[in-house]
Every structure is written in C-alpha cells, then in structure tokens.
Amino acid sequence: MDTNRRDPLEDLVHWRGQLPELLHALRQHTAPACLAFGRGHAADALEKTITGQATPNQLTAWAQAIHLEEDVDIAEEDVDLLTQFLLEVSTPELFEPVTTETCQRWLHRMRVSSKPTGSS
C-alpha cells in the first residue's frame, strides 16, 4: 500500500488545498472511503475564513461539498451541532449571509460546546 497516497476525501474534509482541485480529485477517486467529520474540521475551516485565507463564498462551497458527500459521517457526539452548521453555512440564502461575524459566532459555538461536561 502506498503510504504517501493522499485520500481526496480526507483532503476535502481538512480543506487541504484549493476547493476546485479538491472536488475534482474527489470525483476522480474511485476507492470507497468513509471519513468522520468533527467539530475540529469545522473550527479549522471557520478560522481559515476569519483570518482571510478563504472567502465566505469558499466556506459556503466547502460546506456544501461536505454536506452533500455521502462518504462523510458526522461525529455522533456532535451530529446536531455539525448538521446545523453545515446546513446553515451551505445555504446562506435560507438562513443568513456568511460573514466574518457569522463565522466568529459559529467558531464560538464550536469551542463552547466542545468543553467536557461533568468534569471538575
């Protein structure tokens, strides 16, 4: 097995590279794979947008790709939060425009909800 081979689905979820190339590579990839999408992936994409490494439109396109990709499983412990995030960010015409402020609010929600409960 080629250990240097990059999995296009993993690259998409981690947003490693330019979105059009990631989507093209994913379409060309035939090996079945399944990947868990977690809060960290969403937080990284939000930070990328907040810091200007990506535009809000690119974040929307990325969220659409993740949301529609059947081989991406949302982490069970975060399914409600992440499903809502993907839905709202991927369809701003139904919710609110994706801006730096909305990204900051989502990032705050990702961080606040990630704190362990019941521990001292």
C-alpha atoms as a PDB file:
ATOM      1  CA  MET A   1       0.000   0.000   0.000  1.00  0.00           C
ATOM      2  CA  ASP A   2       1.289   3.455  -0.886  1.00  0.00           C
ATOM      3  CA  THR A   3       1.631   5.287   2.427  1.00  0.00           C
ATOM      4  CA  ASN A   4       2.315   8.564   0.596  1.00  0.00           C
ATOM      5  CA  ARG A   5      -1.072   8.444  -1.184  1.00  0.00           C
ATOM      6  CA  ARG A   6      -3.405  11.225  -0.100  1.00  0.00           C
ATOM      7  CA  ASP A   7      -7.075  10.453   0.288  1.00  0.00           C
ATOM      8  CA  PRO A   8      -9.120  13.069  -1.618  1.00  0.00           C
ATOM      9  CA  LEU A   9     -11.991  12.818   0.871  1.00  0.00           C
ATOM     10  CA  GLU A  10      -9.645  13.455   3.780  1.00  0.00           C
ATOM     11  CA  ASP A  11      -8.110  16.388   1.917  1.00  0.00           C
ATOM     12  CA  LEU A  12     -11.592  17.854   1.369  1.00  0.00           C
ATOM     13  CA  VAL A  13     -12.671  17.459   4.989  1.00  0.00           C
ATOM     14  CA  HIS A  14      -9.409  19.045   6.180  1.00  0.00           C
ATOM     15  CA  TRP A  15      -9.626  21.625   3.345  1.00  0.00           C
ATOM     16  CA  ARG A  16      -6.042  20.987   2.248  1.00  0.00           C
ATOM     17  CA  GLY A  17      -5.700  22.893  -0.998  1.00  0.00           C
ATOM     18  CA  GLN A  18      -7.864  24.788  -3.446  1.00  0.00           C
ATOM     19  CA  LEU A  19     -11.514  23.765  -3.409  1.00  0.00           C
ATOM     20  CA  PRO A  20     -11.938  23.202  -7.182  1.00  0.00           C
ATOM     21  CA  GLU A  21      -8.926  20.859  -7.235  1.00  0.00           C
ATOM     22  CA  LEU A  22     -10.143  19.025  -4.131  1.00  0.00           C
ATOM     23  CA  LEU A  23     -13.577  18.468  -5.670  1.00  0.00           C
ATOM     24  CA  HIS A  24     -12.030  17.326  -8.954  1.00  0.00           C
ATOM     25  CA  ALA A  25      -9.753  14.851  -7.162  1.00  0.00           C
ATOM     26  CA  LEU A  26     -12.698  13.534  -5.166  1.00  0.00           C
ATOM     27  CA  ARG A  27     -14.716  12.941  -8.367  1.00  0.00           C
ATOM     28  CA  GLN A  28     -11.748  11.053  -9.872  1.00  0.00           C
ATOM     29  CA  HIS A  29     -11.251   8.917  -6.763  1.00  0.00           C
ATOM     30  CA  THR A  30     -12.954   5.540  -7.025  1.00  0.00           C
ATOM     31  CA  ALA A  31     -11.895   3.711  -3.886  1.00  0.00           C
ATOM     32  CA  PRO A  32     -14.646   3.677  -1.261  1.00  0.00           C
ATOM     33  CA  ALA A  33     -13.741   5.573   1.842  1.00  0.00           C
ATOM     34  CA  CYS A  34     -15.626   6.934   4.776  1.00  0.00           C
ATOM     35  CA  LEU A  35     -14.426   9.731   6.980  1.00  0.00           C
ATOM     36  CA  ALA A  36     -15.756  11.230  10.202  1.00  0.00           C
ATOM     37  CA  PHE A  37     -16.386  14.975  10.146  1.00  0.00           C
ATOM     38  CA  GLY A  38     -15.842  16.530  13.538  1.00  0.00           C
ATOM     39  CA  ARG A  39     -16.008  19.858  15.312  1.00  0.00           C
ATOM     40  CA  GLY A  40     -12.287  20.427  14.720  1.00  0.00           C
ATOM     41  CA  HIS A  41     -12.757  20.307  10.956  1.00  0.00           C
ATOM     42  CA  ALA A  42     -15.487  22.932  11.144  1.00  0.00           C
ATOM     43  CA  ALA A  43     -13.449  25.112  13.518  1.00  0.00           C
ATOM     44  CA  ASP A  44     -10.401  24.944  11.225  1.00  0.00           C
ATOM     45  CA  ALA A  45     -12.498  25.997   8.213  1.00  0.00           C
ATOM     46  CA  LEU A  46     -14.050  28.850  10.185  1.00  0.00           C
ATOM     47  CA  GLU A  47     -10.629  30.067  11.334  1.00  0.00           C
ATOM     48  CA  LYS A  48      -9.381  29.867   7.764  1.00  0.00           C
ATOM     49  CA  THR A  49     -12.240  32.150   6.718  1.00  0.00           C
ATOM     50  CA  ILE A  50     -11.903  34.542   9.664  1.00  0.00           C
ATOM     51  CA  THR A  51      -8.181  35.006   9.003  1.00  0.00           C
ATOM     52  CA  GLY A  52      -8.748  35.715   5.306  1.00  0.00           C
ATOM     53  CA  GLN A  53      -7.203  32.506   3.968  1.00  0.00           C
ATOM     54  CA  ALA A  54     -10.613  31.707   2.450  1.00  0.00           C
ATOM     55  CA  THR A  55     -13.614  33.802   1.488  1.00  0.00           C
ATOM     56  CA  PRO A  56     -17.105  33.340   2.896  1.00  0.00           C
ATOM     57  CA  ASN A  57     -18.185  32.088  -0.554  1.00  0.00           C
ATOM     58  CA  GLN A  58     -15.448  29.468  -0.444  1.00  0.00           C
ATOM     59  CA  LEU A  59     -16.578  28.404   3.024  1.00  0.00           C
ATOM     60  CA  THR A  60     -20.133  28.050   1.690  1.00  0.00           C
ATOM     61  CA  ALA A  61     -18.922  25.923  -1.241  1.00  0.00           C
ATOM     62  CA  TRP A  62     -16.809  23.775   1.099  1.00  0.00           C
ATOM     63  CA  ALA A  63     -19.739  23.265   3.487  1.00  0.00           C
ATOM     64  CA  GLN A  64     -21.959  22.278   0.530  1.00  0.00           C
ATOM     65  CA  ALA A  65     -19.379  19.721  -0.602  1.00  0.00           C
ATOM     66  CA  ILE A  66     -19.079  18.230   2.880  1.00  0.00           C
ATOM     67  CA  HIS A  67     -22.843  18.275   3.467  1.00  0.00           C
ATOM     68  CA  LEU A  68     -23.590  16.512   0.170  1.00  0.00           C
ATOM     69  CA  GLU A  69     -20.752  13.983   0.306  1.00  0.00           C
ATOM     70  CA  GLU A  70     -22.294  10.648   1.234  1.00  0.00           C
ATOM     71  CA  ASP A  71     -18.975   9.197   2.407  1.00  0.00           C
ATOM     72  CA  VAL A  72     -18.643  11.780   5.181  1.00  0.00           C
ATOM     73  CA  ASP A  73     -20.067  10.710   8.529  1.00  0.00           C
ATOM     74  CA  ILE A  74     -20.721  13.364  11.129  1.00  0.00           C
ATOM     75  CA  ALA A  75     -19.242  12.533  14.509  1.00  0.00           C
ATOM     76  CA  GLU A  76     -22.072  11.060  16.575  1.00  0.00           C
ATOM     77  CA  GLU A  77     -21.441  13.204  19.648  1.00  0.00           C
ATOM     78  CA  ASP A  78     -21.687  16.364  17.517  1.00  0.00           C
ATOM     79  CA  VAL A  79     -24.325  15.380  14.971  1.00  0.00           C
ATOM     80  CA  ASP A  80     -26.865  18.090  15.893  1.00  0.00           C
ATOM     81  CA  LEU A  81     -24.369  20.949  16.040  1.00  0.00           C
ATOM     82  CA  LEU A  82     -22.453  19.961  12.919  1.00  0.00           C
ATOM     83  CA  THR A  83     -25.548  19.187  10.861  1.00  0.00           C
ATOM     84  CA  GLN A  84     -26.939  22.613  11.728  1.00  0.00           C
ATOM     85  CA  PHE A  85     -23.589  24.234  10.900  1.00  0.00           C
ATOM     86  CA  LEU A  86     -23.342  22.531   7.514  1.00  0.00           C
ATOM     87  CA  LEU A  87     -26.941  23.284   6.634  1.00  0.00           C
ATOM     88  CA  GLU A  88     -26.808  26.956   7.584  1.00  0.00           C
ATOM     89  CA  VAL A  89     -23.381  27.691   6.101  1.00  0.00           C
ATOM     90  CA  SER A  90     -24.066  25.757   2.891  1.00  0.00           C
ATOM     91  CA  THR A  91     -27.375  27.535   2.291  1.00  0.00           C
ATOM     92  CA  PRO A  92     -26.934  31.162   3.385  1.00  0.00           C
ATOM     93  CA  GLU A  93     -29.856  32.150   1.162  1.00  0.00           C
ATOM     94  CA  LEU A  94     -32.127  30.259   3.589  1.00  0.00           C
ATOM     95  CA  PHE A  95     -30.510  31.455   6.811  1.00  0.00           C
ATOM     96  CA  GLU A  96     -28.116  34.401   6.942  1.00  0.00           C
ATOM     97  CA  PRO A  97     -25.190  35.564   4.827  1.00  0.00           C
ATOM     98  CA  VAL A  98     -21.849  34.030   5.721  1.00  0.00           C
ATOM     99  CA  THR A  99     -19.734  36.880   7.041  1.00  0.00           C
ATOM    100  CA  THR A 100     -16.761  37.174   9.351  1.00  0.00           C
ATOM    101  CA  GLU A 101     -19.210  37.837  12.181  1.00  0.00           C
ATOM    102  CA  THR A 102     -21.263  34.707  11.483  1.00  0.00           C
ATOM    103  CA  CYS A 103     -18.035  32.709  11.279  1.00  0.00           C
ATOM    104  CA  GLN A 104     -16.936  34.081  14.654  1.00  0.00           C
ATOM    105  CA  ARG A 105     -20.288  33.137  16.197  1.00  0.00           C
ATOM    106  CA  TRP A 106     -20.055  29.618  14.785  1.00  0.00           C
ATOM    107  CA  LEU A 107     -16.465  29.285  15.975  1.00  0.00           C
ATOM    108  CA  HIS A 108     -17.544  30.336  19.463  1.00  0.00           C
ATOM    109  CA  ARG A 109     -20.318  27.703  19.386  1.00  0.00           C
ATOM    110  CA  MET A 110     -17.832  25.042  18.288  1.00  0.00           C
ATOM    111  CA  ARG A 111     -15.482  25.918  21.124  1.00  0.00           C
ATOM    112  CA  VAL A 112     -18.100  26.348  23.848  1.00  0.00           C
ATOM    113  CA  SER A 113     -19.832  23.089  23.006  1.00  0.00           C
ATOM    114  CA  SER A 114     -16.515  21.226  22.963  1.00  0.00           C
ATOM    115  CA  LYS A 115     -15.919  21.693  26.669  1.00  0.00           C
ATOM    116  CA  PRO A 116     -16.323  18.421  28.547  1.00  0.00           C
ATOM    117  CA  THR A 117     -19.377  18.135  30.719  1.00  0.00           C
ATOM    118  CA  GLY A 118     -19.440  16.659  34.177  1.00  0.00           C
ATOM    119  CA  SER A 119     -15.726  17.004  34.872  1.00  0.00           C
ATOM    120  CA  SER A 120     -14.118  19.165  37.507  1.00  0.00           C
END
